[in-house]
Protein backbone atom coordinates (compact mmCIF):
# COMPACT_ATOMS: atom_id res chain seq x y z
CA MET A 1 79.37 178.34 65.01
CA ASP A 2 82.51 176.35 64.03
CA TRP A 3 84.27 177.19 67.09
CA ILE A 4 81.29 175.34 69.25
CA SER A 5 81.79 172.20 67.25
CA GLY A 6 85.79 172.85 67.82
CA LEU A 7 84.82 173.04 71.53
CA ALA A 8 82.79 170.05 71.48
CA GLU A 9 85.32 167.94 70.13
CA LEU A 10 87.90 169.25 72.55
CA LEU A 11 85.66 168.46 75.27
CA GLU A 12 85.66 164.66 73.93
CA ILE A 13 89.38 164.25 73.47
CA VAL A 14 90.20 165.63 76.63
CA PRO A 15 88.96 163.26 78.96
CA GLU A 16 90.42 160.41 77.05
CA PHE A 17 93.84 162.13 77.06
CA PHE A 18 93.54 162.07 81.04
CA GLY A 19 92.63 158.59 81.01
CA PHE A 20 88.95 159.04 81.15
CA SER A 21 86.06 157.44 78.90
CA GLY A 22 82.27 158.36 78.80
CA ASP A 23 81.78 154.91 80.76
CA ARG A 24 80.24 155.80 84.02
CA GLN A 25 81.81 153.18 85.85
CA ASN A 26 85.27 154.15 84.77
CA GLN A 27 84.08 157.75 85.81
CA VAL A 28 83.40 156.60 89.29
CA LYS A 29 86.74 154.59 89.72
CA ASN A 30 88.23 157.01 92.02
CA MET A 31 84.86 157.93 94.00
CA SER A 32 83.66 154.33 94.99
CA VAL A 33 82.76 155.27 98.67
CA VAL A 34 79.81 158.06 98.46
CA ALA A 35 77.48 159.50 100.61
CA ILE A 36 74.47 157.40 100.80
CA GLU A 37 72.32 160.35 100.28
CA ASP A 38 73.79 160.59 96.57
CA LEU A 39 72.85 156.83 95.87
CA PRO A 40 69.81 156.21 93.64
CA ASN A 41 66.74 154.64 95.03
CA SER A 42 67.39 151.42 93.02
CA SER A 43 70.86 150.87 94.99
CA ARG A 44 70.71 147.48 96.70
CA THR A 45 70.80 147.88 100.18
CA TRP A 46 71.53 145.76 103.45
CA VAL A 47 70.96 146.75 107.07
CA PHE A 48 73.03 144.99 109.64
CA GLY A 49 71.66 145.72 113.39
CA ALA A 50 74.10 145.32 116.29
CA ASP A 51 72.39 142.99 119.09
CA ARG A 52 73.34 145.80 121.72
CA THR A 53 73.80 149.56 121.35
CA LEU A 54 77.44 150.33 120.74
CA SER A 55 79.65 153.13 122.66
CA SER A 56 80.86 155.85 120.81
CA THR A 57 84.40 154.33 120.97
CA GLU A 58 82.94 151.02 119.78
CA SER A 59 81.07 152.86 116.87
CA LYS A 60 84.41 154.65 115.86
CA ILE A 61 86.19 151.08 115.73
CA LEU A 62 83.42 149.71 113.51
CA LEU A 63 83.36 152.63 111.10
CA GLN A 64 87.07 152.75 110.77
CA GLU A 65 86.92 148.96 109.70
CA VAL A 66 84.15 149.54 107.40
CA ASP A 67 85.65 152.56 105.96
CA GLU A 68 88.90 150.44 105.41
CA PHE A 69 86.91 147.58 103.64
CA LEU A 70 84.40 149.53 101.49
CA PRO A 71 86.87 151.25 99.25
CA GLN A 72 88.45 148.26 98.25
CA TRP A 73 85.33 146.20 98.10
CA LYS A 74 84.87 144.35 94.35
CA ALA A 75 82.54 142.33 92.50
CA HIS A 76 84.71 140.21 90.05
CA GLY A 77 87.29 142.71 89.91
CA ALA A 78 85.03 145.91 89.19
CA GLU A 79 84.83 148.68 91.41
CA LEU A 80 81.43 149.03 93.48
CA THR A 81 79.93 152.42 94.03
CA VAL A 82 78.63 152.11 97.69
CA GLY A 83 77.65 154.41 100.47
CA ARG A 84 77.26 153.45 104.29
CA LYS A 85 75.25 155.14 107.42
CA TRP A 86 75.52 154.33 111.02
CA SER A 87 72.42 155.15 113.03
CA ASP A 88 71.16 155.12 116.76
CA GLY A 89 74.40 153.31 117.76
CA ARG A 90 72.78 150.08 116.31
CA PHE A 91 72.40 150.20 112.38
CA LEU A 92 74.93 150.09 109.62
CA THR A 93 73.04 150.34 106.36
CA VAL A 94 75.45 149.47 103.22
CA ALA A 95 74.01 150.40 99.63
CA VAL A 96 75.49 149.44 96.33
CA ASP A 97 74.61 151.48 93.04
CA GLN A 98 73.46 148.83 90.62
CA SER A 99 73.91 151.06 87.70
CA THR A 100 77.92 150.90 87.97
CA ALA A 101 78.57 147.57 89.11
CA GLY A 102 76.37 144.94 90.91
CA ALA A 103 77.48 142.99 94.08
CA SER A 104 78.05 139.64 93.26
CA GLY A 105 77.38 136.53 95.53
CA CYS A 106 80.98 136.03 96.45
CA SER A 107 81.35 140.08 96.99
CA ILE A 108 78.06 139.82 99.60
CA ASP A 109 79.96 136.96 101.18
CA GLY A 110 82.92 139.02 101.85
CA LEU A 111 81.21 141.98 103.02
CA PHE A 112 79.51 139.58 105.79
CA ARG A 113 82.71 137.99 106.54
CA ALA A 114 84.19 141.48 106.98
CA LEU A 115 81.61 142.36 109.54
CA LYS A 116 82.02 139.04 110.98
CA SER A 117 85.51 139.72 111.94
CA ILE A 118 84.94 142.97 113.38
CA GLU A 119 82.54 141.43 116.06
CA PRO A 120 85.32 140.02 118.36
CA LYS A 121 86.60 143.75 118.76
CA LEU A 122 83.23 145.04 119.58
CA GLY A 123 82.13 142.34 122.04
CA ALA A 124 78.70 142.62 120.03
CA SER A 125 77.15 140.65 117.03
CA MET A 126 76.69 142.61 113.93
CA VAL A 127 75.59 139.95 111.71
CA THR A 128 72.20 138.69 113.28
CA SER A 129 69.08 136.97 112.11
CA GLY A 130 65.64 136.83 113.74
CA LEU A 131 65.94 140.06 115.91
CA ILE A 132 62.95 142.46 115.90
CA PHE A 133 64.33 146.28 116.93
CA TYR A 134 62.08 148.78 118.18
CA LYS A 135 62.07 151.97 120.55
CA ASP A 136 60.90 151.68 123.83
CA SER A 137 58.76 154.12 125.86
CA ASN A 138 62.02 156.05 126.66
CA GLY A 139 63.12 156.31 122.85
CA ALA A 140 65.95 153.77 123.45
CA VAL A 141 66.45 151.11 120.65
CA GLN A 142 65.82 147.56 122.02
CA SER A 143 66.12 144.25 120.18
CA VAL A 144 64.11 140.91 121.17
CA GLY A 145 63.47 137.72 119.34
CA ARG A 146 60.14 137.36 117.34
CA GLU A 147 58.44 135.55 120.48
CA ARG A 148 59.56 137.99 122.74
CA PHE A 149 58.06 140.77 120.83
CA THR A 150 54.86 138.83 120.40
CA GLU A 151 54.71 138.54 124.40
CA LEU A 152 55.45 142.61 124.52
CA GLY A 153 52.43 143.02 122.27
CA ALA A 154 50.19 140.74 124.47
CA ARG A 155 51.08 142.72 127.44
CA GLY A 156 50.47 146.11 125.74
CA GLU A 157 54.44 146.95 126.03
CA VAL A 158 54.45 147.52 122.21
CA GLY A 159 51.62 149.06 120.43
CA PRO A 160 50.53 150.76 117.14
CA GLN A 161 52.32 153.68 117.94
CA THR A 162 56.00 151.91 118.99
CA ARG A 163 58.63 152.77 116.23
CA VAL A 164 59.90 149.77 114.76
CA PHE A 165 62.85 149.24 112.35
CA ASP A 166 62.68 147.39 109.38
CA THR A 167 65.91 145.35 108.54
CA THR A 168 64.54 143.34 105.74
CA VAL A 169 64.41 146.41 103.31
CA THR A 170 66.49 145.30 100.18
CA SER A 171 66.78 148.83 98.20
CA LEU A 172 67.27 152.25 99.25
CA ALA A 173 63.88 153.09 97.92
CA GLU A 174 62.28 150.67 100.53
CA TRP A 175 64.95 152.03 103.06
CA ARG A 176 64.21 155.50 102.65
CA ALA A 177 60.34 154.62 102.62
CA ARG A 178 59.97 152.17 105.75
CA PHE A 179 62.98 151.60 107.53
CA GLU A 180 61.49 153.09 110.63
CA LEU A 181 57.83 153.14 110.93
CA ASP A 182 55.12 153.12 113.40
CA LEU A 183 54.30 149.40 114.30
CA LYS A 184 50.55 149.83 112.80
CA GLU A 185 52.38 150.75 109.29
CA SER A 186 54.79 147.61 109.39
CA TRP A 187 54.80 143.97 108.88
CA HIS A 188 55.67 143.91 112.35
CA ALA A 189 51.89 144.67 113.56
CA ARG A 190 51.29 140.79 112.58
CA LEU A 191 53.69 139.96 115.47
CA ALA A 192 52.09 142.08 118.21
CA LYS A 193 48.41 141.60 116.62
CA GLN A 194 46.99 141.06 119.87
CA LYS A 195 47.05 144.76 120.92
CA GLN A 196 46.35 146.10 117.17
CA PRO A 197 43.14 147.84 116.76
CA VAL A 198 40.32 145.55 115.04
């Protein structure tokens, strides 16, 4: 059994010899950008919705810029373990694993500034507020203001089965559970209540 304890000691020494420690934050030092699927449910999450659908060329420009920014995104000098996902030509989801290092106010501002700086290249806004995103009868993602969405509900153009997107989610658990839902299962139902079932 001595060889087992010797092996255990060796396994503890080798990582330190190569400059690693048991600290999780140091272990992810060279893998700050990971697949969003690999991040835990507790990861802090932001969803940015473009005010129009981006073309494949525009999407490529956006993702090139984002992928240059994320690896060097830090909070008070600490590496952030982050993932991102682009979907429907409209939505950029960014999530940070809070267990390695949490995004600070300054670092969050940096993310927003980075996205704002990309907007002129796209001719579209990525940092929007007050827009409601939904799929129309053809399955295309549309965005309108809240008042307009209420009007669509009153006219029956959106209803209980309309797919809506909740850009207010703040964790990956929420994003995975309710980013895209039927209107009847989402808070959006309050905006289109005129056509909701009693």
